[in-house]
């Protein structure tokens, strides 16, 4: 899968340093995969959930964090929408949360 806006990973690592290893492991594994549909993705990521707008929610670091990714299976592309703690996740609407524009300004 082609993960679009890879800068998002670096942004969220800077924001949540204790999630660095787990987020990098997810990214490195996910980027090497090719999924034709959600069922194939679910076989590898059993804890993943699909929600509206082709968004998939991943549990990261033993469910301490949640990652929301928009996945286009036909184009084999994924777009990171949001990452945060489980507690923060409980306070958002996963179907309408938007990409943080601060990510585009982020410099490593």
Protein backbone atom coordinates (compact mmCIF):
# COMPACT_ATOMS: atom_id res chain seq x y z
CA UNK A 1 0.00 0.00 0.00
CA UNK A 2 1.21 3.44 -0.84
CA UNK A 3 0.91 5.56 2.30
CA UNK A 4 0.25 9.11 1.15
CA UNK A 5 1.61 12.00 3.24
CA UNK A 6 4.30 10.03 5.03
CA UNK A 7 5.07 13.23 6.90
CA UNK A 8 2.00 12.43 9.01
CA UNK A 9 3.88 9.52 10.61
CA UNK A 10 6.76 11.83 11.58
CA UNK A 11 4.34 14.46 12.88
CA UNK A 12 2.53 11.99 15.11
CA UNK A 13 5.80 10.48 16.35
CA UNK A 14 6.89 13.96 17.44
CA UNK A 15 3.53 14.54 19.09
CA UNK A 16 3.40 11.11 20.80
CA UNK A 17 7.01 9.95 21.29
CA UNK A 18 5.97 6.94 23.38
CA UNK A 19 4.11 5.59 20.32
CA UNK A 20 7.14 5.87 18.02
CA UNK A 21 8.10 2.20 17.82
CA UNK A 22 4.56 0.89 17.49
CA UNK A 23 3.64 3.46 14.84
CA UNK A 24 6.78 2.78 12.81
CA UNK A 25 6.16 -0.97 13.00
CA UNK A 26 2.61 -0.44 11.70
CA UNK A 27 3.83 1.84 8.91
CA UNK A 28 6.64 -0.48 7.78
CA UNK A 29 4.36 -3.53 7.76
CA UNK A 30 1.41 -1.80 6.14
CA UNK A 31 3.47 -0.14 3.38
CA UNK A 32 4.70 -3.57 2.23
CA UNK A 33 1.21 -5.05 1.89
CA UNK A 34 -1.22 -5.23 -0.98
CA UNK A 35 -4.88 -5.55 -0.02
CA UNK A 36 -7.67 -5.95 -2.55
CA UNK A 37 -10.44 -5.41 0.01
CA UNK A 38 -11.18 -5.00 3.70
CA UNK A 39 -11.45 -8.76 4.27
CA UNK A 40 -7.83 -9.22 3.18
CA UNK A 41 -6.75 -6.34 5.42
CA UNK A 42 -8.72 -7.82 8.33
CA UNK A 43 -6.89 -11.15 7.95
CA UNK A 44 -3.62 -9.40 8.75
CA UNK A 45 -4.97 -6.78 11.16
CA UNK A 46 -7.61 -8.62 13.15
CA UNK A 47 -8.30 -5.63 15.38
CA UNK A 48 -8.95 -3.24 12.47
CA UNK A 49 -12.45 -1.82 12.06
CA UNK A 50 -13.97 -0.31 8.95
CA UNK A 51 -16.15 2.76 9.28
CA UNK A 52 -17.80 5.16 6.83
CA UNK A 53 -15.94 6.73 3.91
CA UNK A 54 -13.56 3.77 3.51
CA UNK A 55 -11.93 4.67 6.79
CA UNK A 56 -10.18 1.99 8.76
CA UNK A 57 -9.34 2.28 12.47
CA UNK A 58 -6.25 0.48 13.74
CA UNK A 59 -5.36 -0.18 17.37
CA UNK A 60 -1.75 0.82 17.95
CA UNK A 61 0.49 -0.12 20.89
CA UNK A 62 -1.91 -2.51 22.56
CA UNK A 63 -4.90 -0.24 21.97
CA UNK A 64 -3.26 2.72 23.78
CA UNK A 65 -3.58 4.65 20.51
CA UNK A 66 -5.93 4.70 17.54
CA UNK A 67 -4.99 5.40 13.93
CA UNK A 68 -7.58 6.40 11.34
CA UNK A 69 -6.63 5.73 7.74
CA UNK A 70 -8.64 6.25 4.54
CA UNK A 71 -7.94 3.27 2.29
CA UNK A 72 -8.53 3.10 -1.45
CA UNK A 73 -8.22 -0.59 -2.22
CA UNK A 74 -8.46 -0.18 -6.01
CA UNK A 75 -5.55 2.26 -6.10
CA UNK A 76 -3.70 0.51 -3.26
CA UNK A 77 -3.33 3.83 -1.48
CA UNK A 78 -3.82 4.86 2.13
CA UNK A 79 -4.11 8.32 3.61
CA UNK A 80 -3.50 8.88 7.31
CA UNK A 81 -6.32 11.02 8.66
CA UNK A 82 -5.80 11.06 12.42
CA UNK A 83 -3.76 9.51 15.25
CA UNK A 84 -4.19 9.91 18.97
CA UNK A 85 -4.72 8.27 22.31
CA UNK A 86 -7.66 6.00 22.93
CA UNK A 87 -9.11 8.65 25.24
CA UNK A 88 -8.81 11.32 22.52
CA UNK A 89 -10.40 8.92 20.04
CA UNK A 90 -13.44 8.59 22.29
CA UNK A 91 -13.99 12.36 21.88
CA UNK A 92 -13.97 12.55 18.07
CA UNK A 93 -16.33 11.52 15.31
CA UNK A 94 -14.33 9.04 13.25
CA UNK A 95 -16.58 9.59 10.22
CA UNK A 96 -16.00 13.34 10.01
CA UNK A 97 -12.58 14.03 11.56
CA UNK A 98 -10.33 15.75 9.02
CA UNK A 99 -6.64 15.71 8.26
CA UNK A 100 -4.70 18.07 10.54
CA UNK A 101 -3.32 20.90 8.33
CA UNK A 102 -0.41 21.32 10.77
CA UNK A 103 1.04 18.13 9.30
CA UNK A 104 1.76 19.92 6.02
CA UNK A 105 3.76 22.58 7.91
CA UNK A 106 5.66 20.04 10.02
CA UNK A 107 9.43 19.95 9.57
CA UNK A 108 11.50 17.11 10.93
